[in-house]
N, C-alpha and C. Protein backbone atom coordinates (compact mmCIF):
# COMPACT_ATOMS: atom_id res chain seq x y z
N UNK A 1 -31.00 -28.97 -19.92
CA UNK A 1 -29.77 -28.85 -19.15
C UNK A 1 -30.01 -27.88 -18.00
N UNK A 2 -29.49 -28.22 -16.85
CA UNK A 2 -29.64 -27.36 -15.67
C UNK A 2 -28.62 -26.23 -15.70
N UNK A 3 -28.89 -25.20 -14.91
CA UNK A 3 -27.94 -24.09 -14.78
C UNK A 3 -26.62 -24.60 -14.20
N UNK A 4 -26.69 -25.52 -13.26
CA UNK A 4 -25.47 -26.08 -12.67
C UNK A 4 -24.62 -26.77 -13.73
N UNK A 5 -25.24 -27.54 -14.60
CA UNK A 5 -24.49 -28.24 -15.66
C UNK A 5 -23.86 -27.24 -16.62
N UNK A 6 -24.58 -26.18 -16.95
CA UNK A 6 -24.03 -25.16 -17.85
C UNK A 6 -22.84 -24.46 -17.21
N UNK A 7 -22.95 -24.13 -15.93
CA UNK A 7 -21.85 -23.46 -15.22
C UNK A 7 -20.64 -24.39 -15.13
N UNK A 8 -20.88 -25.68 -14.89
CA UNK A 8 -19.76 -26.64 -14.84
C UNK A 8 -19.03 -26.70 -16.17
N UNK A 9 -19.77 -26.61 -17.27
CA UNK A 9 -19.13 -26.61 -18.60
C UNK A 9 -18.20 -25.42 -18.75
N UNK A 10 -18.62 -24.25 -18.24
CA UNK A 10 -17.78 -23.06 -18.30
C UNK A 10 -16.55 -23.24 -17.43
N UNK A 11 -16.73 -23.79 -16.23
CA UNK A 11 -15.59 -24.04 -15.34
C UNK A 11 -14.57 -24.95 -16.02
N UNK A 12 -15.05 -26.00 -16.66
CA UNK A 12 -14.17 -26.97 -17.32
C UNK A 12 -13.44 -26.34 -18.49
N UNK A 13 -14.09 -25.42 -19.19
CA UNK A 13 -13.47 -24.79 -20.37
C UNK A 13 -12.26 -23.95 -20.00
N UNK A 14 -12.23 -23.42 -18.78
CA UNK A 14 -11.06 -22.66 -18.32
C UNK A 14 -10.74 -21.45 -19.17
N UNK A 15 -11.75 -20.69 -19.53
CA UNK A 15 -11.52 -19.50 -20.35
C UNK A 15 -11.13 -18.33 -19.45
N UNK A 16 -11.26 -17.13 -19.93
CA UNK A 16 -10.85 -15.93 -19.19
C UNK A 16 -10.01 -15.08 -20.11
N UNK A 17 -8.97 -14.50 -19.59
CA UNK A 17 -8.11 -13.65 -20.42
C UNK A 17 -7.28 -14.54 -21.34
N UNK A 18 -7.49 -14.37 -22.63
CA UNK A 18 -6.79 -15.18 -23.62
C UNK A 18 -5.63 -14.40 -24.23
N UNK A 19 -4.52 -15.06 -24.51
CA UNK A 19 -3.42 -14.36 -25.19
C UNK A 19 -3.92 -13.77 -26.50
N UNK A 20 -3.49 -12.56 -26.79
CA UNK A 20 -3.87 -11.93 -28.04
C UNK A 20 -5.19 -11.18 -28.00
N UNK A 21 -5.84 -11.10 -26.82
CA UNK A 21 -7.06 -10.31 -26.73
C UNK A 21 -6.74 -8.87 -27.06
N UNK A 22 -7.38 -8.30 -28.08
CA UNK A 22 -7.05 -6.91 -28.44
C UNK A 22 -7.48 -5.95 -27.35
N UNK A 23 -6.65 -4.96 -27.08
CA UNK A 23 -7.00 -3.90 -26.15
C UNK A 23 -6.74 -2.58 -26.84
N UNK A 24 -7.34 -1.54 -26.33
CA UNK A 24 -7.19 -0.21 -26.90
C UNK A 24 -6.67 0.72 -25.83
N UNK A 25 -5.81 1.65 -26.22
CA UNK A 25 -5.32 2.63 -25.27
C UNK A 25 -6.51 3.34 -24.64
N UNK A 26 -6.50 3.44 -23.33
CA UNK A 26 -7.58 4.12 -22.63
C UNK A 26 -8.82 3.29 -22.44
N UNK A 27 -8.78 1.99 -22.80
CA UNK A 27 -9.95 1.13 -22.59
C UNK A 27 -10.26 1.04 -21.11
N UNK A 28 -11.53 1.20 -20.78
CA UNK A 28 -11.96 1.20 -19.38
C UNK A 28 -12.35 -0.21 -18.96
N UNK A 29 -11.79 -0.69 -17.83
CA UNK A 29 -12.13 -2.04 -17.38
C UNK A 29 -13.58 -2.12 -16.89
N UNK A 30 -14.27 -3.14 -17.37
CA UNK A 30 -15.68 -3.36 -17.01
C UNK A 30 -15.89 -4.84 -16.73
N UNK A 31 -16.97 -5.14 -16.04
CA UNK A 31 -17.33 -6.53 -15.77
C UNK A 31 -18.82 -6.70 -15.98
N UNK A 32 -19.21 -7.84 -16.54
CA UNK A 32 -20.63 -8.16 -16.69
C UNK A 32 -20.89 -9.50 -16.01
N UNK A 33 -22.13 -9.65 -15.52
CA UNK A 33 -22.52 -10.88 -14.84
C UNK A 33 -23.38 -11.71 -15.77
N UNK A 34 -22.86 -12.87 -16.16
CA UNK A 34 -23.59 -13.83 -16.98
C UNK A 34 -24.23 -14.80 -15.98
N UNK A 35 -25.41 -14.41 -15.49
CA UNK A 35 -26.06 -15.13 -14.40
C UNK A 35 -27.00 -16.20 -14.96
N UNK A 36 -26.81 -17.43 -14.50
CA UNK A 36 -27.62 -18.56 -14.94
C UNK A 36 -28.46 -19.07 -13.78
N UNK A 37 -29.72 -19.34 -14.08
CA UNK A 37 -30.64 -19.87 -13.07
C UNK A 37 -31.50 -20.94 -13.72
N UNK A 38 -32.15 -21.74 -12.88
CA UNK A 38 -33.04 -22.78 -13.38
C UNK A 38 -34.44 -22.23 -13.54
N UNK A 39 -34.98 -22.38 -14.73
CA UNK A 39 -36.35 -21.98 -15.03
C UNK A 39 -37.12 -23.16 -15.55
N UNK A 40 -38.34 -22.95 -16.02
CA UNK A 40 -39.17 -24.05 -16.50
C UNK A 40 -38.54 -24.83 -17.66
N UNK A 41 -37.72 -24.16 -18.48
CA UNK A 41 -37.11 -24.81 -19.64
C UNK A 41 -35.66 -25.21 -19.39
N UNK A 42 -35.25 -25.27 -18.13
CA UNK A 42 -33.85 -25.57 -17.81
C UNK A 42 -33.07 -24.29 -17.58
N UNK A 43 -31.79 -24.31 -17.93
CA UNK A 43 -30.92 -23.15 -17.67
C UNK A 43 -31.40 -21.93 -18.43
N UNK A 44 -31.49 -20.81 -17.71
CA UNK A 44 -31.86 -19.53 -18.30
C UNK A 44 -30.80 -18.50 -17.94
N UNK A 45 -30.61 -17.53 -18.84
CA UNK A 45 -29.62 -16.47 -18.61
C UNK A 45 -30.36 -15.15 -18.37
N UNK A 46 -29.82 -14.37 -17.46
CA UNK A 46 -30.39 -13.07 -17.12
C UNK A 46 -29.87 -11.99 -18.07
N UNK A 47 -30.80 -11.30 -18.73
CA UNK A 47 -30.46 -10.17 -19.59
C UNK A 47 -31.33 -8.99 -19.19
N UNK A 48 -30.90 -7.80 -19.56
CA UNK A 48 -31.69 -6.61 -19.30
C UNK A 48 -31.82 -5.80 -20.59
N UNK A 49 -32.90 -5.05 -20.68
CA UNK A 49 -33.01 -4.05 -21.75
C UNK A 49 -32.69 -2.71 -21.11
N UNK A 50 -31.65 -2.07 -21.61
CA UNK A 50 -31.21 -0.79 -21.05
C UNK A 50 -32.26 0.30 -21.30
N UNK A 51 -32.38 1.19 -20.34
CA UNK A 51 -33.35 2.28 -20.45
C UNK A 51 -33.09 3.11 -21.71
N UNK A 52 -34.16 3.59 -22.32
CA UNK A 52 -34.05 4.32 -23.58
C UNK A 52 -33.40 5.68 -23.49
N UNK A 53 -33.31 6.26 -22.31
CA UNK A 53 -32.72 7.59 -22.17
C UNK A 53 -31.22 7.58 -21.87
N UNK A 54 -30.64 6.39 -21.70
CA UNK A 54 -29.21 6.33 -21.37
C UNK A 54 -28.36 6.85 -22.52
N UNK A 55 -27.22 7.42 -22.18
CA UNK A 55 -26.33 8.01 -23.18
C UNK A 55 -25.69 6.95 -24.07
N UNK A 56 -25.29 5.83 -23.47
CA UNK A 56 -24.62 4.76 -24.22
C UNK A 56 -25.50 3.52 -24.30
N UNK A 57 -25.60 2.96 -25.49
CA UNK A 57 -26.30 1.69 -25.72
C UNK A 57 -27.75 1.73 -25.25
N UNK A 58 -28.42 2.86 -25.42
CA UNK A 58 -29.82 3.00 -25.00
C UNK A 58 -30.70 1.98 -25.70
N UNK A 59 -31.56 1.33 -24.93
CA UNK A 59 -32.52 0.38 -25.47
C UNK A 59 -31.94 -0.94 -25.91
N UNK A 60 -30.65 -1.16 -25.71
CA UNK A 60 -30.03 -2.41 -26.14
C UNK A 60 -30.16 -3.48 -25.05
N UNK A 61 -30.07 -4.73 -25.49
CA UNK A 61 -30.09 -5.85 -24.56
C UNK A 61 -28.66 -6.09 -24.08
N UNK A 62 -28.52 -6.27 -22.77
CA UNK A 62 -27.18 -6.43 -22.20
C UNK A 62 -27.24 -7.31 -20.96
N UNK A 63 -26.07 -7.65 -20.47
CA UNK A 63 -25.95 -8.30 -19.17
C UNK A 63 -25.89 -7.21 -18.11
N UNK A 64 -26.30 -7.50 -16.87
CA UNK A 64 -26.02 -6.55 -15.80
C UNK A 64 -24.50 -6.37 -15.70
N UNK A 65 -24.06 -5.15 -15.48
CA UNK A 65 -22.63 -4.92 -15.35
C UNK A 65 -22.27 -3.48 -15.60
N UNK A 66 -20.99 -3.19 -15.50
CA UNK A 66 -20.52 -1.83 -15.71
C UNK A 66 -19.06 -1.68 -15.36
N UNK A 67 -18.66 -0.45 -15.16
CA UNK A 67 -17.25 -0.13 -14.90
C UNK A 67 -16.76 -0.74 -13.59
N UNK A 68 -15.49 -1.15 -13.60
CA UNK A 68 -14.83 -1.59 -12.38
C UNK A 68 -14.26 -0.35 -11.72
N UNK A 69 -14.73 -0.06 -10.52
CA UNK A 69 -14.29 1.13 -9.79
C UNK A 69 -12.91 0.90 -9.19
N UNK A 70 -12.15 1.98 -8.94
CA UNK A 70 -10.83 1.83 -8.30
C UNK A 70 -10.94 1.05 -6.98
N UNK A 71 -10.05 0.08 -6.80
CA UNK A 71 -10.05 -0.73 -5.59
C UNK A 71 -11.00 -1.92 -5.63
N UNK A 72 -11.75 -2.08 -6.72
CA UNK A 72 -12.70 -3.17 -6.87
C UNK A 72 -12.12 -4.27 -7.74
N UNK A 73 -12.51 -5.51 -7.49
CA UNK A 73 -12.20 -6.59 -8.41
C UNK A 73 -13.32 -6.67 -9.44
N UNK A 74 -13.08 -7.44 -10.50
CA UNK A 74 -14.12 -7.63 -11.51
C UNK A 74 -15.35 -8.30 -10.90
N UNK A 75 -15.14 -9.28 -10.03
CA UNK A 75 -16.25 -9.97 -9.37
C UNK A 75 -17.07 -8.99 -8.54
N UNK A 76 -16.40 -8.18 -7.74
CA UNK A 76 -17.11 -7.20 -6.91
C UNK A 76 -17.91 -6.22 -7.77
N UNK A 77 -17.32 -5.77 -8.87
CA UNK A 77 -18.01 -4.82 -9.74
C UNK A 77 -19.26 -5.44 -10.37
N UNK A 78 -19.14 -6.67 -10.88
CA UNK A 78 -20.28 -7.32 -11.53
C UNK A 78 -21.41 -7.55 -10.54
N UNK A 79 -21.09 -7.99 -9.34
CA UNK A 79 -22.12 -8.23 -8.32
C UNK A 79 -22.75 -6.91 -7.89
N UNK A 80 -21.95 -5.88 -7.69
CA UNK A 80 -22.48 -4.56 -7.30
C UNK A 80 -23.43 -4.03 -8.37
N UNK A 81 -22.99 -4.09 -9.62
CA UNK A 81 -23.82 -3.57 -10.71
C UNK A 81 -25.13 -4.35 -10.84
N UNK A 82 -25.08 -5.67 -10.69
CA UNK A 82 -26.30 -6.47 -10.77
C UNK A 82 -27.26 -6.11 -9.64
N UNK A 83 -26.71 -5.85 -8.46
CA UNK A 83 -27.55 -5.43 -7.33
C UNK A 83 -28.18 -4.07 -7.62
N UNK A 84 -27.40 -3.14 -8.15
CA UNK A 84 -27.91 -1.79 -8.45
C UNK A 84 -28.95 -1.82 -9.57
N UNK A 85 -28.73 -2.63 -10.59
CA UNK A 85 -29.59 -2.61 -11.78
C UNK A 85 -30.88 -3.41 -11.62
N UNK A 86 -30.79 -4.59 -10.96
CA UNK A 86 -31.97 -5.47 -10.89
C UNK A 86 -32.25 -6.00 -9.49
N UNK A 87 -31.60 -5.43 -8.47
CA UNK A 87 -31.79 -5.83 -7.07
C UNK A 87 -31.46 -7.31 -6.83
N UNK A 88 -30.48 -7.82 -7.55
CA UNK A 88 -30.03 -9.19 -7.33
C UNK A 88 -29.22 -9.23 -6.03
N UNK A 89 -29.67 -10.04 -5.09
CA UNK A 89 -29.01 -10.12 -3.79
C UNK A 89 -27.59 -10.66 -3.95
N UNK A 90 -26.58 -9.94 -3.49
CA UNK A 90 -25.20 -10.42 -3.63
C UNK A 90 -24.98 -11.81 -3.06
N UNK A 91 -25.67 -12.15 -1.97
CA UNK A 91 -25.49 -13.46 -1.35
C UNK A 91 -25.98 -14.60 -2.24
N UNK A 92 -26.84 -14.29 -3.21
CA UNK A 92 -27.38 -15.32 -4.10
C UNK A 92 -26.45 -15.65 -5.26
N UNK A 93 -25.39 -14.86 -5.43
CA UNK A 93 -24.52 -14.98 -6.60
C UNK A 93 -23.29 -15.82 -6.29
N UNK A 94 -23.12 -16.90 -7.04
CA UNK A 94 -21.92 -17.73 -6.93
C UNK A 94 -21.15 -17.63 -8.25
N UNK A 95 -20.16 -16.74 -8.30
CA UNK A 95 -19.35 -16.62 -9.52
C UNK A 95 -18.45 -17.84 -9.60
N UNK A 96 -18.54 -18.56 -10.72
CA UNK A 96 -17.84 -19.84 -10.84
C UNK A 96 -16.89 -19.91 -12.02
N UNK A 97 -16.90 -18.93 -12.90
CA UNK A 97 -16.02 -19.00 -14.06
C UNK A 97 -16.06 -17.72 -14.87
N UNK A 98 -15.25 -17.71 -15.91
CA UNK A 98 -15.18 -16.56 -16.81
C UNK A 98 -15.27 -17.06 -18.25
N UNK A 99 -15.76 -16.18 -19.09
CA UNK A 99 -15.65 -16.38 -20.53
C UNK A 99 -14.53 -15.49 -21.02
N UNK A 100 -14.18 -15.59 -22.28
CA UNK A 100 -13.06 -14.83 -22.82
C UNK A 100 -13.30 -13.33 -22.67
N UNK A 101 -12.29 -12.63 -22.22
CA UNK A 101 -12.36 -11.18 -22.09
C UNK A 101 -12.39 -10.58 -23.49
N UNK A 102 -13.02 -9.41 -23.62
CA UNK A 102 -13.09 -8.78 -24.93
C UNK A 102 -13.02 -7.26 -24.79
N UNK A 103 -12.61 -6.63 -25.87
CA UNK A 103 -12.55 -5.17 -25.92
C UNK A 103 -13.54 -4.68 -26.96
N UNK A 104 -14.15 -3.54 -26.68
CA UNK A 104 -15.08 -2.94 -27.64
C UNK A 104 -14.50 -1.63 -28.15
N UNK A 105 -14.73 -1.37 -29.42
CA UNK A 105 -14.19 -0.17 -30.04
C UNK A 105 -15.04 1.05 -29.69
N UNK A 106 -16.36 0.93 -29.84
CA UNK A 106 -17.24 2.08 -29.68
C UNK A 106 -17.21 2.64 -28.26
N UNK A 107 -17.40 1.78 -27.26
CA UNK A 107 -17.42 2.27 -25.88
C UNK A 107 -16.05 2.22 -25.22
N UNK A 108 -15.05 1.73 -25.96
CA UNK A 108 -13.67 1.66 -25.46
C UNK A 108 -13.62 0.99 -24.09
N UNK A 109 -14.22 -0.19 -24.02
CA UNK A 109 -14.27 -0.96 -22.78
C UNK A 109 -13.49 -2.25 -22.93
N UNK A 110 -12.88 -2.68 -21.84
CA UNK A 110 -12.28 -4.01 -21.73
C UNK A 110 -13.19 -4.77 -20.79
N UNK A 111 -13.87 -5.80 -21.30
CA UNK A 111 -14.96 -6.46 -20.57
C UNK A 111 -14.54 -7.83 -20.06
N UNK A 112 -14.83 -8.08 -18.78
CA UNK A 112 -14.61 -9.38 -18.15
C UNK A 112 -15.99 -10.01 -17.93
N UNK A 113 -16.37 -11.06 -18.71
CA UNK A 113 -17.66 -11.72 -18.49
C UNK A 113 -17.52 -12.81 -17.42
N UNK A 114 -18.24 -12.65 -16.33
CA UNK A 114 -18.18 -13.57 -15.20
C UNK A 114 -19.45 -14.41 -15.16
N UNK A 115 -19.28 -15.73 -15.13
CA UNK A 115 -20.42 -16.64 -15.16
C UNK A 115 -20.77 -17.03 -13.72
N UNK A 116 -22.04 -16.87 -13.38
CA UNK A 116 -22.49 -17.13 -12.02
C UNK A 116 -23.68 -18.08 -12.02
N UNK A 117 -23.77 -18.87 -10.96
CA UNK A 117 -24.90 -19.77 -10.74
C UNK A 117 -25.79 -19.15 -9.67
N UNK A 118 -27.08 -19.08 -9.95
CA UNK A 118 -28.03 -18.50 -8.99
C UNK A 118 -28.97 -19.53 -8.39
N UNK A 119 -28.91 -20.78 -8.84
CA UNK A 119 -29.88 -21.76 -8.37
C UNK A 119 -31.21 -21.51 -9.06
N UNK A 120 -32.29 -21.41 -8.26
CA UNK A 120 -33.59 -21.09 -8.84
C UNK A 120 -33.65 -19.63 -9.22
N UNK A 121 -34.47 -19.33 -10.20
CA UNK A 121 -34.60 -17.96 -10.70
C UNK A 121 -35.11 -17.05 -9.58
N UNK A 122 -34.32 -16.03 -9.21
CA UNK A 122 -34.74 -15.14 -8.13
C UNK A 122 -35.73 -14.08 -8.61
N UNK A 123 -36.43 -13.50 -7.66
CA UNK A 123 -37.32 -12.39 -7.96
C UNK A 123 -36.48 -11.12 -8.05
N UNK A 124 -36.62 -10.37 -9.13
CA UNK A 124 -35.79 -9.19 -9.36
C UNK A 124 -36.66 -7.96 -9.59
N UNK A 125 -36.08 -6.80 -9.38
CA UNK A 125 -36.78 -5.53 -9.60
C UNK A 125 -35.86 -4.63 -10.42
N UNK A 126 -36.35 -4.15 -11.56
CA UNK A 126 -35.55 -3.28 -12.43
C UNK A 126 -35.42 -1.89 -11.82
N UNK A 127 -34.20 -1.36 -11.81
CA UNK A 127 -33.95 0.03 -11.43
C UNK A 127 -34.27 0.86 -12.67
N UNK A 128 -35.41 1.55 -12.64
CA UNK A 128 -35.96 2.16 -13.86
C UNK A 128 -35.06 3.24 -14.46
N UNK A 129 -34.16 3.81 -13.70
CA UNK A 129 -33.26 4.80 -14.29
C UNK A 129 -32.21 4.15 -15.18
N UNK A 130 -32.02 2.82 -15.04
CA UNK A 130 -31.02 2.11 -15.82
C UNK A 130 -31.59 1.00 -16.70
N UNK A 131 -32.65 0.36 -16.22
CA UNK A 131 -33.17 -0.85 -16.86
C UNK A 131 -34.64 -0.69 -17.19
N UNK A 132 -34.99 -0.91 -18.46
CA UNK A 132 -36.39 -0.85 -18.88
C UNK A 132 -37.11 -2.16 -18.61
N UNK A 133 -36.36 -3.26 -18.73
CA UNK A 133 -37.02 -4.57 -18.67
C UNK A 133 -36.00 -5.65 -18.31
N UNK A 134 -36.45 -6.66 -17.58
CA UNK A 134 -35.63 -7.81 -17.22
C UNK A 134 -36.09 -9.00 -18.06
N UNK A 135 -35.13 -9.73 -18.62
CA UNK A 135 -35.45 -10.91 -19.43
C UNK A 135 -34.74 -12.13 -18.86
N UNK A 136 -35.46 -13.23 -18.77
CA UNK A 136 -34.85 -14.53 -18.49
C UNK A 136 -35.02 -15.34 -19.77
N UNK A 137 -33.92 -15.71 -20.40
CA UNK A 137 -33.99 -16.38 -21.70
C UNK A 137 -33.39 -17.78 -21.58
N UNK A 138 -34.17 -18.82 -21.92
CA UNK A 138 -33.63 -20.18 -21.88
C UNK A 138 -32.46 -20.34 -22.84
N UNK A 139 -31.42 -21.04 -22.40
CA UNK A 139 -30.28 -21.29 -23.29
C UNK A 139 -30.71 -22.08 -24.51
N UNK A 140 -31.68 -22.97 -24.34
CA UNK A 140 -32.14 -23.75 -25.50
C UNK A 140 -32.77 -22.85 -26.56
N UNK A 141 -33.43 -21.78 -26.15
CA UNK A 141 -34.00 -20.83 -27.12
C UNK A 141 -32.89 -20.10 -27.87
N UNK A 142 -31.86 -19.69 -27.15
CA UNK A 142 -30.74 -19.00 -27.79
C UNK A 142 -30.00 -19.91 -28.76
N UNK A 143 -29.93 -21.20 -28.44
CA UNK A 143 -29.19 -22.15 -29.27
C UNK A 143 -29.99 -22.63 -30.47
N UNK A 144 -31.27 -22.31 -30.50
CA UNK A 144 -32.13 -22.77 -31.59
C UNK A 144 -31.73 -22.09 -32.90
N UNK A 145 -31.76 -22.83 -33.97
CA UNK A 145 -31.34 -22.31 -35.27
C UNK A 145 -32.12 -21.11 -35.77
N UNK A 146 -33.40 -21.00 -35.39
CA UNK A 146 -34.21 -19.87 -35.83
C UNK A 146 -33.92 -18.59 -35.04
N UNK A 147 -33.22 -18.71 -33.94
CA UNK A 147 -32.93 -17.55 -33.08
C UNK A 147 -31.62 -16.89 -33.46
N UNK A 148 -30.63 -17.69 -33.86
CA UNK A 148 -29.27 -17.18 -34.10
C UNK A 148 -29.01 -16.94 -35.58
N UNK A 149 -28.27 -15.85 -35.86
CA UNK A 149 -27.74 -15.62 -37.21
C UNK A 149 -26.43 -14.87 -37.07
N UNK A 150 -25.64 -14.91 -38.12
CA UNK A 150 -24.38 -14.16 -38.12
C UNK A 150 -24.21 -13.43 -39.44
N UNK A 151 -23.46 -12.34 -39.37
CA UNK A 151 -23.12 -11.56 -40.56
C UNK A 151 -21.63 -11.25 -40.48
N UNK A 152 -21.04 -11.01 -41.64
CA UNK A 152 -19.63 -10.60 -41.68
C UNK A 152 -19.59 -9.12 -42.00
N UNK A 153 -18.97 -8.34 -41.12
CA UNK A 153 -18.88 -6.89 -41.27
C UNK A 153 -17.45 -6.50 -41.55
N UNK A 154 -17.28 -5.49 -42.39
CA UNK A 154 -15.95 -4.99 -42.71
C UNK A 154 -15.45 -5.56 -44.02
N UNK A 155 -14.22 -5.20 -44.35
CA UNK A 155 -13.59 -5.62 -45.58
C UNK A 155 -12.44 -6.57 -45.26
N UNK A 156 -12.37 -7.73 -45.95
CA UNK A 156 -11.26 -8.65 -45.69
C UNK A 156 -9.93 -7.94 -45.90
N UNK A 157 -8.91 -8.23 -45.16
CA UNK A 157 -8.84 -9.26 -44.12
C UNK A 157 -9.25 -8.74 -42.74
N UNK A 158 -9.84 -7.55 -42.66
CA UNK A 158 -10.21 -6.98 -41.37
C UNK A 158 -11.68 -7.23 -41.02
N UNK A 159 -12.35 -8.06 -41.81
CA UNK A 159 -13.75 -8.33 -41.51
C UNK A 159 -13.87 -9.21 -40.27
N UNK A 160 -15.03 -9.17 -39.66
CA UNK A 160 -15.24 -9.97 -38.45
C UNK A 160 -16.69 -10.46 -38.41
N UNK A 161 -16.87 -11.59 -37.73
CA UNK A 161 -18.21 -12.15 -37.58
C UNK A 161 -18.98 -11.35 -36.53
N UNK A 162 -20.20 -10.99 -36.85
CA UNK A 162 -21.11 -10.35 -35.90
C UNK A 162 -22.24 -11.32 -35.61
N UNK A 163 -22.48 -11.55 -34.33
CA UNK A 163 -23.51 -12.48 -33.90
C UNK A 163 -24.80 -11.72 -33.58
N UNK A 164 -25.93 -12.34 -33.90
CA UNK A 164 -27.24 -11.76 -33.61
C UNK A 164 -28.16 -12.86 -33.08
N UNK A 165 -28.95 -12.51 -32.09
CA UNK A 165 -29.98 -13.39 -31.56
C UNK A 165 -31.31 -12.65 -31.64
N UNK A 166 -32.29 -13.26 -32.30
CA UNK A 166 -33.61 -12.65 -32.44
C UNK A 166 -34.54 -13.26 -31.40
N UNK A 167 -34.95 -12.44 -30.43
CA UNK A 167 -35.80 -12.88 -29.33
C UNK A 167 -37.14 -12.16 -29.42
N UNK A 168 -38.14 -12.78 -29.98
CA UNK A 168 -39.46 -12.17 -30.12
C UNK A 168 -39.33 -10.74 -30.65
N UNK A 169 -39.42 -9.75 -29.77
CA UNK A 169 -39.41 -8.36 -30.20
C UNK A 169 -38.07 -7.66 -29.96
N UNK A 170 -37.03 -8.40 -29.67
CA UNK A 170 -35.71 -7.81 -29.38
C UNK A 170 -34.63 -8.49 -30.22
N UNK A 171 -33.61 -7.71 -30.59
CA UNK A 171 -32.43 -8.25 -31.25
C UNK A 171 -31.24 -8.04 -30.33
N UNK A 172 -30.53 -9.12 -30.03
CA UNK A 172 -29.32 -9.03 -29.21
C UNK A 172 -28.14 -9.06 -30.16
N UNK A 173 -27.23 -8.09 -30.01
CA UNK A 173 -26.06 -8.03 -30.88
C UNK A 173 -24.90 -7.42 -30.12
N UNK A 174 -23.80 -7.15 -30.82
CA UNK A 174 -22.65 -6.51 -30.19
C UNK A 174 -21.95 -7.40 -29.18
N UNK A 175 -21.39 -6.79 -28.15
CA UNK A 175 -20.62 -7.52 -27.15
C UNK A 175 -21.47 -8.56 -26.43
N UNK A 176 -22.74 -8.22 -26.16
CA UNK A 176 -23.62 -9.17 -25.47
C UNK A 176 -23.81 -10.42 -26.30
N UNK A 177 -24.07 -10.26 -27.60
CA UNK A 177 -24.25 -11.42 -28.47
C UNK A 177 -22.95 -12.21 -28.60
N UNK A 178 -21.82 -11.52 -28.60
CA UNK A 178 -20.52 -12.20 -28.67
C UNK A 178 -20.33 -13.11 -27.45
N UNK A 179 -20.65 -12.60 -26.27
CA UNK A 179 -20.52 -13.39 -25.04
C UNK A 179 -21.51 -14.55 -25.04
N UNK A 180 -22.76 -14.29 -25.46
CA UNK A 180 -23.74 -15.37 -25.53
C UNK A 180 -23.31 -16.46 -26.49
N UNK A 181 -22.76 -16.07 -27.63
CA UNK A 181 -22.30 -17.05 -28.62
C UNK A 181 -21.24 -17.96 -28.00
N UNK A 182 -20.27 -17.36 -27.30
CA UNK A 182 -19.23 -18.19 -26.68
C UNK A 182 -19.81 -19.09 -25.60
N UNK A 183 -20.73 -18.56 -24.80
CA UNK A 183 -21.37 -19.38 -23.77
C UNK A 183 -22.04 -20.60 -24.39
N UNK A 184 -22.79 -20.38 -25.46
CA UNK A 184 -23.49 -21.49 -26.12
C UNK A 184 -22.52 -22.48 -26.74
N UNK A 185 -21.40 -22.00 -27.30
CA UNK A 185 -20.39 -22.91 -27.85
C UNK A 185 -19.78 -23.77 -26.75
N UNK A 186 -19.57 -23.19 -25.58
CA UNK A 186 -19.01 -23.96 -24.46
C UNK A 186 -20.02 -25.00 -23.97
N UNK A 187 -21.28 -24.61 -23.88
CA UNK A 187 -22.30 -25.50 -23.31
C UNK A 187 -22.78 -26.54 -24.32
N UNK A 188 -23.02 -26.13 -25.57
CA UNK A 188 -23.62 -27.03 -26.57
C UNK A 188 -22.71 -27.37 -27.74
N UNK A 189 -21.59 -26.69 -27.90
CA UNK A 189 -20.74 -26.87 -29.07
C UNK A 189 -21.07 -25.82 -30.12
N UNK A 190 -20.23 -25.70 -31.16
CA UNK A 190 -20.48 -24.72 -32.23
C UNK A 190 -21.81 -24.98 -32.92
N UNK A 191 -22.45 -23.95 -33.49
CA UNK A 191 -23.77 -24.12 -34.11
C UNK A 191 -23.85 -25.26 -35.11
N UNK A 192 -22.83 -25.45 -35.93
CA UNK A 192 -22.87 -26.48 -36.97
C UNK A 192 -22.88 -27.89 -36.40
N UNK A 193 -22.44 -28.07 -35.15
CA UNK A 193 -22.36 -29.42 -34.58
C UNK A 193 -23.53 -29.74 -33.66
N UNK A 194 -24.42 -28.79 -33.43
CA UNK A 194 -25.51 -29.02 -32.47
C UNK A 194 -26.60 -29.89 -33.07
N UNK A 195 -27.07 -30.82 -32.27
CA UNK A 195 -28.25 -31.59 -32.66
C UNK A 195 -29.46 -30.78 -32.22
N UNK A 196 -30.63 -31.17 -32.66
CA UNK A 196 -31.85 -30.44 -32.29
C UNK A 196 -31.99 -30.39 -30.77
N UNK A 197 -32.29 -29.20 -30.27
CA UNK A 197 -32.45 -29.02 -28.82
C UNK A 197 -33.91 -28.95 -28.45
């Protein structure tokens, strides 16, 4: 599947802010860029490994993104952060849709995931004070049964599904895995309904 086809699936799904999205008092608005580009295996998503010295989420896999500054839109914030973190040229980014907004308890963030089409995979440079490594991961790899697993955390009825993606030497979890899971459900359908990719 091409990046364009994956982005069209997100556009058609019409997600974004859903009724009943939990929020927390004092949650800080943030935006992440779910950037899709065409690679050798079809559509690939841009992820970063956060620098190990960062105060929050050090060494974790994430999307480029961060806080929405006063006077900024979510789109402007996501594009600015991607430019700062991996030198992604703003002119190369075509934001075409959103996935469901989510709130996180630990970092007290309200996150807007913005899906963008980049065309061919651009050349990027990691800002070493923020990013240890840049990853381009094929969607087909993420959707593969050996890559994905889920666990239930908490005590019923307050338990919740936690998504995990095992990528060679990295584990993607938390909000990033939640967004990836929804992206894959939109593009390929729920895990139980997928045919071999």
